[in-house]
Amino acid sequence: MISFRLLGNTGALADKIRKLERQIDTFKTEILEESAAFLVLESPVDTGTYMDSHHVGTSAASGSTTSYGKPINQPYQPYADAALSRLTSEINALPEDSKRVVFSNTSEHADDVEYAHGHAPYTKMRSRLPEIVDRAAARAKA
């Protein structure tokens, strides 16, 4: 009988496999974080409700939020910073083995922002995804 252990916990091949696994994890995180940043940069702020309503998870977020009674003409940066921080936390909380990741917005006026007012942050993100993926791949390899 002859045998040859191809895979194991030690050796050069095992080290290369671990390196590739880390690159894959980094690649996924890079795609999600850049997508979140793009979404925030393309989002408008009036009352801040729309920006506060971005979420990322393994399924679309449930519930709805309203801007009724909130002051208008709010500053962009505080809402953008908070949204990006929240999305980053949600990305970090995703299960490692999650195969499905969904960005969603629970504001009652999300459809108006996307389709009626011409902002279309989700449509723009989807169209730019090939570029986002290419940049994420390059960073993951580095």
N, C-alpha and C. Protein backbone atom coordinates (compact mmCIF):
# COMPACT_ATOMS: atom_id res chain seq x y z
N MET A 1 0.85 -1.18 0.00
CA MET A 1 0.00 0.00 0.00
C MET A 1 0.89 1.24 0.00
N ILE A 2 0.45 2.23 -0.72
CA ILE A 2 1.14 3.52 -0.72
C ILE A 2 0.12 4.61 -0.46
N SER A 3 0.51 5.62 0.25
CA SER A 3 -0.40 6.73 0.52
C SER A 3 0.39 8.03 0.52
N PHE A 4 -0.33 9.07 0.30
CA PHE A 4 0.27 10.40 0.26
C PHE A 4 -0.76 11.38 0.80
N ARG A 5 -0.46 12.01 1.89
CA ARG A 5 -1.39 12.98 2.47
C ARG A 5 -1.23 14.30 1.73
N LEU A 6 -2.24 14.66 0.99
CA LEU A 6 -2.20 15.88 0.18
C LEU A 6 -2.54 17.11 1.01
N LEU A 7 -3.56 17.00 1.83
CA LEU A 7 -3.99 18.13 2.65
C LEU A 7 -3.84 17.77 4.12
N GLY A 8 -3.43 18.75 4.90
CA GLY A 8 -3.31 18.58 6.34
C GLY A 8 -3.26 19.94 6.99
N ASN A 9 -3.01 19.95 8.27
CA ASN A 9 -2.98 21.22 9.01
C ASN A 9 -1.62 21.89 8.98
N THR A 10 -0.64 21.24 8.41
CA THR A 10 0.70 21.82 8.37
C THR A 10 1.24 21.77 6.95
N GLY A 11 2.31 22.46 6.72
CA GLY A 11 2.96 22.41 5.42
C GLY A 11 2.60 23.59 4.54
N ALA A 12 3.32 23.67 3.43
CA ALA A 12 3.19 24.79 2.51
C ALA A 12 1.81 24.85 1.87
N LEU A 13 1.25 23.70 1.49
CA LEU A 13 -0.07 23.70 0.87
C LEU A 13 -1.14 24.19 1.85
N ALA A 14 -1.07 23.74 3.08
CA ALA A 14 -2.03 24.18 4.11
C ALA A 14 -1.91 25.68 4.33
N ASP A 15 -0.68 26.20 4.33
CA ASP A 15 -0.48 27.64 4.49
C ASP A 15 -1.09 28.42 3.34
N LYS A 16 -0.93 27.90 2.12
CA LYS A 16 -1.51 28.58 0.95
C LYS A 16 -3.03 28.55 1.00
N ILE A 17 -3.59 27.44 1.43
CA ILE A 17 -5.06 27.35 1.55
C ILE A 17 -5.57 28.35 2.59
N ARG A 18 -4.91 28.44 3.74
CA ARG A 18 -5.31 29.42 4.75
C ARG A 18 -5.21 30.85 4.21
N LYS A 19 -4.16 31.13 3.45
CA LYS A 19 -3.99 32.46 2.86
C LYS A 19 -5.14 32.76 1.89
N LEU A 20 -5.49 31.79 1.05
CA LEU A 20 -6.60 31.99 0.12
C LEU A 20 -7.92 32.18 0.85
N GLU A 21 -8.13 31.44 1.93
CA GLU A 21 -9.36 31.60 2.72
C GLU A 21 -9.44 33.00 3.30
N ARG A 22 -8.31 33.52 3.79
CA ARG A 22 -8.29 34.90 4.32
C ARG A 22 -8.58 35.90 3.21
N GLN A 23 -8.03 35.66 2.01
CA GLN A 23 -8.27 36.57 0.89
C GLN A 23 -9.75 36.57 0.51
N ILE A 24 -10.38 35.40 0.55
CA ILE A 24 -11.81 35.32 0.22
C ILE A 24 -12.63 36.09 1.25
N ASP A 25 -12.31 35.92 2.54
CA ASP A 25 -13.02 36.66 3.58
C ASP A 25 -12.82 38.16 3.41
N THR A 26 -11.59 38.56 3.11
CA THR A 26 -11.28 39.97 2.90
C THR A 26 -12.02 40.51 1.68
N PHE A 27 -12.06 39.72 0.62
CA PHE A 27 -12.74 40.10 -0.62
C PHE A 27 -14.21 40.39 -0.36
N LYS A 28 -14.88 39.50 0.36
CA LYS A 28 -16.30 39.68 0.67
C LYS A 28 -16.51 40.95 1.50
N THR A 29 -15.68 41.13 2.52
CA THR A 29 -15.81 42.31 3.38
C THR A 29 -15.56 43.59 2.59
N GLU A 30 -14.55 43.57 1.73
CA GLU A 30 -14.23 44.75 0.91
C GLU A 30 -15.41 45.12 0.00
N ILE A 31 -16.02 44.12 -0.62
CA ILE A 31 -17.18 44.39 -1.50
C ILE A 31 -18.30 45.03 -0.69
N LEU A 32 -18.61 44.45 0.46
CA LEU A 32 -19.72 44.96 1.27
C LEU A 32 -19.44 46.36 1.81
N GLU A 33 -18.23 46.58 2.29
CA GLU A 33 -17.91 47.90 2.84
C GLU A 33 -17.89 48.99 1.76
N GLU A 34 -17.34 48.67 0.59
CA GLU A 34 -17.35 49.68 -0.48
C GLU A 34 -18.77 49.91 -0.99
N SER A 35 -19.58 48.86 -1.06
CA SER A 35 -20.98 49.02 -1.47
C SER A 35 -21.72 49.90 -0.47
N ALA A 36 -21.49 49.70 0.81
CA ALA A 36 -22.13 50.51 1.84
C ALA A 36 -21.71 51.98 1.70
N ALA A 37 -20.42 52.20 1.50
CA ALA A 37 -19.94 53.58 1.35
C ALA A 37 -20.54 54.24 0.12
N PHE A 38 -20.62 53.50 -0.98
CA PHE A 38 -21.21 54.04 -2.20
C PHE A 38 -22.67 54.41 -1.96
N LEU A 39 -23.40 53.51 -1.32
CA LEU A 39 -24.81 53.74 -1.04
C LEU A 39 -25.01 55.00 -0.20
N VAL A 40 -24.19 55.18 0.81
CA VAL A 40 -24.29 56.36 1.67
C VAL A 40 -23.95 57.62 0.89
N LEU A 41 -22.89 57.58 0.08
CA LEU A 41 -22.50 58.76 -0.69
C LEU A 41 -23.57 59.18 -1.69
N GLU A 42 -24.33 58.23 -2.19
CA GLU A 42 -25.36 58.53 -3.19
C GLU A 42 -26.72 58.87 -2.57
N SER A 43 -26.83 58.76 -1.26
CA SER A 43 -28.12 58.97 -0.59
C SER A 43 -28.33 60.43 -0.21
N PRO A 44 -29.54 60.92 -0.41
CA PRO A 44 -29.85 62.29 -0.01
C PRO A 44 -30.20 62.37 1.48
N VAL A 45 -30.10 63.56 2.03
CA VAL A 45 -30.54 63.81 3.40
C VAL A 45 -31.44 65.04 3.38
N ASP A 46 -32.65 64.89 3.91
CA ASP A 46 -33.53 66.03 4.16
C ASP A 46 -33.86 66.01 5.65
N THR A 47 -34.61 64.98 6.07
CA THR A 47 -34.89 64.82 7.51
C THR A 47 -33.89 63.86 8.15
N GLY A 48 -33.18 63.09 7.32
CA GLY A 48 -32.25 62.09 7.83
C GLY A 48 -32.86 60.70 7.93
N THR A 49 -34.16 60.60 7.73
CA THR A 49 -34.84 59.32 7.87
C THR A 49 -34.36 58.30 6.85
N TYR A 50 -34.21 58.71 5.62
CA TYR A 50 -33.78 57.78 4.58
C TYR A 50 -32.39 57.23 4.90
N MET A 51 -31.47 58.11 5.27
CA MET A 51 -30.12 57.68 5.59
C MET A 51 -30.12 56.78 6.82
N ASP A 52 -30.95 57.09 7.80
CA ASP A 52 -31.05 56.27 9.02
C ASP A 52 -31.66 54.90 8.76
N SER A 53 -32.27 54.73 7.60
CA SER A 53 -33.03 53.51 7.33
C SER A 53 -32.30 52.50 6.46
N HIS A 54 -31.03 52.75 6.13
CA HIS A 54 -30.24 51.76 5.39
C HIS A 54 -29.85 50.61 6.32
N HIS A 55 -29.94 49.39 5.79
CA HIS A 55 -29.54 48.21 6.55
C HIS A 55 -28.90 47.20 5.61
N VAL A 56 -28.10 46.31 6.20
CA VAL A 56 -27.53 45.19 5.46
C VAL A 56 -27.67 43.95 6.34
N GLY A 57 -28.10 42.86 5.70
CA GLY A 57 -28.28 41.61 6.44
C GLY A 57 -28.42 40.45 5.49
N THR A 58 -28.82 39.31 6.02
CA THR A 58 -29.00 38.13 5.18
C THR A 58 -30.37 38.12 4.51
N SER A 59 -31.22 39.06 4.89
CA SER A 59 -32.51 39.26 4.23
C SER A 59 -32.85 40.74 4.35
N ALA A 60 -33.85 41.16 3.62
CA ALA A 60 -34.27 42.57 3.68
C ALA A 60 -34.76 42.90 5.09
N ALA A 61 -34.44 44.09 5.55
CA ALA A 61 -34.89 44.54 6.87
C ALA A 61 -36.41 44.68 6.86
N SER A 62 -37.02 44.48 8.00
CA SER A 62 -38.48 44.59 8.10
C SER A 62 -38.84 45.88 8.82
N GLY A 63 -40.10 46.21 8.77
CA GLY A 63 -40.59 47.42 9.42
C GLY A 63 -40.51 48.60 8.49
N SER A 64 -40.88 49.76 9.03
CA SER A 64 -40.79 50.98 8.23
C SER A 64 -40.55 52.16 9.16
N THR A 65 -39.94 53.18 8.61
CA THR A 65 -39.68 54.41 9.36
C THR A 65 -40.26 55.57 8.59
N THR A 66 -40.70 56.56 9.31
CA THR A 66 -41.33 57.72 8.70
C THR A 66 -40.55 58.98 9.03
N SER A 67 -40.67 59.95 8.17
CA SER A 67 -40.04 61.24 8.44
C SER A 67 -41.07 62.26 8.93
N TYR A 68 -42.27 61.78 9.16
CA TYR A 68 -43.35 62.67 9.58
C TYR A 68 -42.96 63.42 10.86
N GLY A 69 -43.07 64.74 10.81
CA GLY A 69 -42.83 65.58 11.98
C GLY A 69 -41.37 65.89 12.26
N LYS A 70 -40.46 65.36 11.45
CA LYS A 70 -39.04 65.63 11.68
C LYS A 70 -38.64 66.92 10.98
N PRO A 71 -37.66 67.63 11.53
CA PRO A 71 -37.22 68.87 10.87
C PRO A 71 -36.52 68.56 9.55
N ILE A 72 -36.67 69.45 8.58
CA ILE A 72 -36.08 69.27 7.26
C ILE A 72 -34.75 70.02 7.16
N ASN A 73 -34.09 69.84 6.02
CA ASN A 73 -32.81 70.50 5.73
C ASN A 73 -31.72 70.17 6.75
N GLN A 74 -31.67 68.91 7.13
CA GLN A 74 -30.65 68.47 8.08
C GLN A 74 -29.29 68.37 7.39
N PRO A 75 -28.20 68.52 8.13
CA PRO A 75 -26.87 68.42 7.53
C PRO A 75 -26.56 66.98 7.11
N TYR A 76 -25.85 66.86 6.01
CA TYR A 76 -25.55 65.55 5.43
C TYR A 76 -24.58 64.72 6.28
N GLN A 77 -23.47 65.31 6.69
CA GLN A 77 -22.36 64.54 7.25
C GLN A 77 -22.70 63.74 8.51
N PRO A 78 -23.40 64.30 9.49
CA PRO A 78 -23.70 63.48 10.68
C PRO A 78 -24.52 62.24 10.34
N TYR A 79 -25.47 62.38 9.42
CA TYR A 79 -26.29 61.22 9.04
C TYR A 79 -25.48 60.22 8.22
N ALA A 80 -24.62 60.72 7.35
CA ALA A 80 -23.78 59.83 6.55
C ALA A 80 -22.81 59.06 7.45
N ASP A 81 -22.19 59.75 8.40
CA ASP A 81 -21.26 59.08 9.32
C ASP A 81 -21.97 58.00 10.13
N ALA A 82 -23.15 58.33 10.64
CA ALA A 82 -23.90 57.36 11.45
C ALA A 82 -24.34 56.17 10.60
N ALA A 83 -24.79 56.43 9.38
CA ALA A 83 -25.23 55.34 8.50
C ALA A 83 -24.07 54.42 8.15
N LEU A 84 -22.93 54.99 7.82
CA LEU A 84 -21.77 54.17 7.47
C LEU A 84 -21.30 53.35 8.67
N SER A 85 -21.31 53.95 9.83
CA SER A 85 -20.92 53.23 11.05
C SER A 85 -21.88 52.07 11.32
N ARG A 86 -23.18 52.33 11.20
CA ARG A 86 -24.18 51.27 11.43
C ARG A 86 -24.04 50.16 10.41
N LEU A 87 -23.88 50.52 9.13
CA LEU A 87 -23.74 49.50 8.09
C LEU A 87 -22.48 48.67 8.30
N THR A 88 -21.40 49.31 8.70
CA THR A 88 -20.16 48.58 8.97
C THR A 88 -20.37 47.59 10.12
N SER A 89 -21.06 48.02 11.16
CA SER A 89 -21.36 47.12 12.28
C SER A 89 -22.23 45.95 11.82
N GLU A 90 -23.21 46.23 10.98
CA GLU A 90 -24.08 45.17 10.47
C GLU A 90 -23.29 44.20 9.59
N ILE A 91 -22.37 44.71 8.79
CA ILE A 91 -21.51 43.86 7.95
C ILE A 91 -20.66 42.95 8.84
N ASN A 92 -20.08 43.53 9.88
CA ASN A 92 -19.23 42.76 10.79
C ASN A 92 -20.02 41.70 11.56
N ALA A 93 -21.31 41.92 11.72
CA ALA A 93 -22.16 40.97 12.46
C ALA A 93 -22.73 39.86 11.57
N LEU A 94 -22.51 39.95 10.26
CA LEU A 94 -23.02 38.91 9.38
C LEU A 94 -22.35 37.57 9.68
N PRO A 95 -23.10 36.48 9.56
CA PRO A 95 -22.47 35.17 9.75
C PRO A 95 -21.38 34.97 8.71
N GLU A 96 -20.27 34.37 9.12
CA GLU A 96 -19.14 34.18 8.21
C GLU A 96 -19.52 33.38 6.97
N ASP A 97 -20.43 32.44 7.13
CA ASP A 97 -20.79 31.57 6.02
C ASP A 97 -22.00 32.07 5.23
N SER A 98 -22.40 33.33 5.45
CA SER A 98 -23.59 33.85 4.76
C SER A 98 -23.34 33.92 3.25
N LYS A 99 -24.21 33.30 2.52
CA LYS A 99 -24.11 33.28 1.05
C LYS A 99 -24.95 34.39 0.43
N ARG A 100 -25.92 34.88 1.19
CA ARG A 100 -26.82 35.91 0.69
C ARG A 100 -26.70 37.13 1.59
N VAL A 101 -26.47 38.29 0.96
CA VAL A 101 -26.40 39.55 1.69
C VAL A 101 -27.28 40.55 0.95
N VAL A 102 -28.12 41.27 1.71
CA VAL A 102 -29.09 42.18 1.12
C VAL A 102 -28.96 43.56 1.75
N PHE A 103 -28.83 44.58 0.92
CA PHE A 103 -28.93 45.96 1.37
C PHE A 103 -30.39 46.37 1.21
N SER A 104 -30.95 47.05 2.20
CA SER A 104 -32.34 47.48 2.10
C SER A 104 -32.53 48.81 2.83
N ASN A 105 -33.66 49.44 2.56
CA ASN A 105 -33.99 50.70 3.20
C ASN A 105 -35.44 50.62 3.66
N THR A 106 -35.67 50.90 4.93
CA THR A 106 -37.01 50.76 5.50
C THR A 106 -37.79 52.06 5.59
N SER A 107 -37.27 53.14 5.02
CA SER A 107 -38.03 54.40 5.08
C SER A 107 -39.28 54.28 4.20
N GLU A 108 -40.34 54.92 4.65
CA GLU A 108 -41.60 54.87 3.89
C GLU A 108 -41.45 55.50 2.51
N HIS A 109 -40.50 56.39 2.34
CA HIS A 109 -40.33 57.08 1.06
C HIS A 109 -39.15 56.53 0.26
N ALA A 110 -38.67 55.32 0.57
CA ALA A 110 -37.52 54.75 -0.14
C ALA A 110 -37.78 54.61 -1.65
N ASP A 111 -38.99 54.17 -2.02
CA ASP A 111 -39.30 54.05 -3.44
C ASP A 111 -39.28 55.41 -4.14
N ASP A 112 -39.76 56.45 -3.46
CA ASP A 112 -39.73 57.79 -4.05
C ASP A 112 -38.30 58.26 -4.27
N VAL A 113 -37.43 58.02 -3.28
CA VAL A 113 -36.02 58.42 -3.41
C VAL A 113 -35.38 57.66 -4.58
N GLU A 114 -35.69 56.38 -4.68
CA GLU A 114 -35.07 55.54 -5.70
C GLU A 114 -35.60 55.84 -7.10
N TYR A 115 -36.91 56.00 -7.23
CA TYR A 115 -37.51 56.06 -8.56
C TYR A 115 -38.12 57.41 -8.95
N ALA A 116 -38.69 58.15 -8.02
CA ALA A 116 -39.40 59.37 -8.39
C ALA A 116 -38.50 60.61 -8.38
N HIS A 117 -37.57 60.67 -7.46
CA HIS A 117 -36.76 61.89 -7.31
C HIS A 117 -35.42 61.83 -8.02
N GLY A 118 -35.10 60.70 -8.63
CA GLY A 118 -33.89 60.60 -9.44
C GLY A 118 -32.59 60.33 -8.69
N HIS A 119 -32.65 60.08 -7.40
CA HIS A 119 -31.41 59.81 -6.66
C HIS A 119 -30.88 58.40 -6.96
N ALA A 120 -31.75 57.42 -6.90
CA ALA A 120 -31.48 56.03 -7.29
C ALA A 120 -30.19 55.44 -6.72
N PRO A 121 -29.94 55.56 -5.40
CA PRO A 121 -28.69 55.02 -4.87
C PRO A 121 -28.55 53.51 -5.05
N TYR A 122 -29.63 52.76 -4.91
CA TYR A 122 -29.54 51.30 -5.05
C TYR A 122 -29.31 50.90 -6.51
N THR A 123 -29.98 51.57 -7.43
CA THR A 123 -29.79 51.29 -8.86
C THR A 123 -28.37 51.64 -9.27
N LYS A 124 -27.86 52.76 -8.81
CA LYS A 124 -26.49 53.17 -9.14
C LYS A 124 -25.48 52.18 -8.56
N MET A 125 -25.72 51.74 -7.32
CA MET A 125 -24.81 50.78 -6.70
C MET A 125 -24.78 49.48 -7.50
N ARG A 126 -25.94 49.02 -7.89
CA ARG A 126 -26.03 47.78 -8.66
C ARG A 126 -25.27 47.91 -9.99
N SER A 127 -25.38 49.05 -10.65
CA SER A 127 -24.70 49.22 -11.93
C SER A 127 -23.18 49.37 -11.76
N ARG A 128 -22.75 49.84 -10.61
CA ARG A 128 -21.31 50.01 -10.35
C ARG A 128 -20.69 48.78 -9.69
N LEU A 129 -21.48 47.76 -9.42
CA LEU A 129 -20.98 46.58 -8.72
C LEU A 129 -19.78 45.93 -9.40
N PRO A 130 -19.74 45.81 -10.74
CA PRO A 130 -18.54 45.21 -11.34
C PRO A 130 -17.25 45.97 -10.99
N GLU A 131 -17.31 47.29 -10.96
CA GLU A 131 -16.14 48.10 -10.58
C GLU A 131 -15.80 47.88 -9.11
N ILE A 132 -16.80 47.84 -8.27
CA ILE A 132 -16.60 47.62 -6.84
C ILE A 132 -15.94 46.26 -6.61
N VAL A 133 -16.40 45.25 -7.33
CA VAL A 133 -15.84 43.90 -7.20
C VAL A 133 -14.39 43.88 -7.66
N ASP A 134 -14.08 44.53 -8.77
CA ASP A 134 -12.70 44.57 -9.27
C ASP A 134 -11.76 45.23 -8.26
N ARG A 135 -12.19 46.35 -7.69
CA ARG A 135 -11.35 47.04 -6.70
C ARG A 135 -11.18 46.19 -5.44
N ALA A 136 -12.27 45.53 -5.03
CA ALA A 136 -12.19 44.67 -3.84
C ALA A 136 -11.26 43.50 -4.07
N ALA A 137 -11.28 42.93 -5.25
CA ALA A 137 -10.38 41.81 -5.57
C ALA A 137 -8.93 42.26 -5.51
N ALA A 138 -8.64 43.42 -6.04
CA ALA A 138 -7.27 43.93 -6.02
C ALA A 138 -6.79 44.16 -4.59
N ARG A 139 -7.67 44.74 -3.75
CA ARG A 139 -7.30 44.97 -2.35
C ARG A 139 -7.15 43.66 -1.59
N ALA A 140 -7.98 42.68 -1.88
CA ALA A 140 -7.91 41.39 -1.18
C ALA A 140 -6.61 40.66 -1.52
N LYS A 141 -6.13 40.83 -2.74
CA LYS A 141 -4.88 40.18 -3.16
C LYS A 141 -3.67 40.84 -2.53
N ALA A 142 -3.80 42.12 -2.20
CA ALA A 142 -2.65 42.89 -1.68
C ALA A 142 -2.24 42.41 -0.29
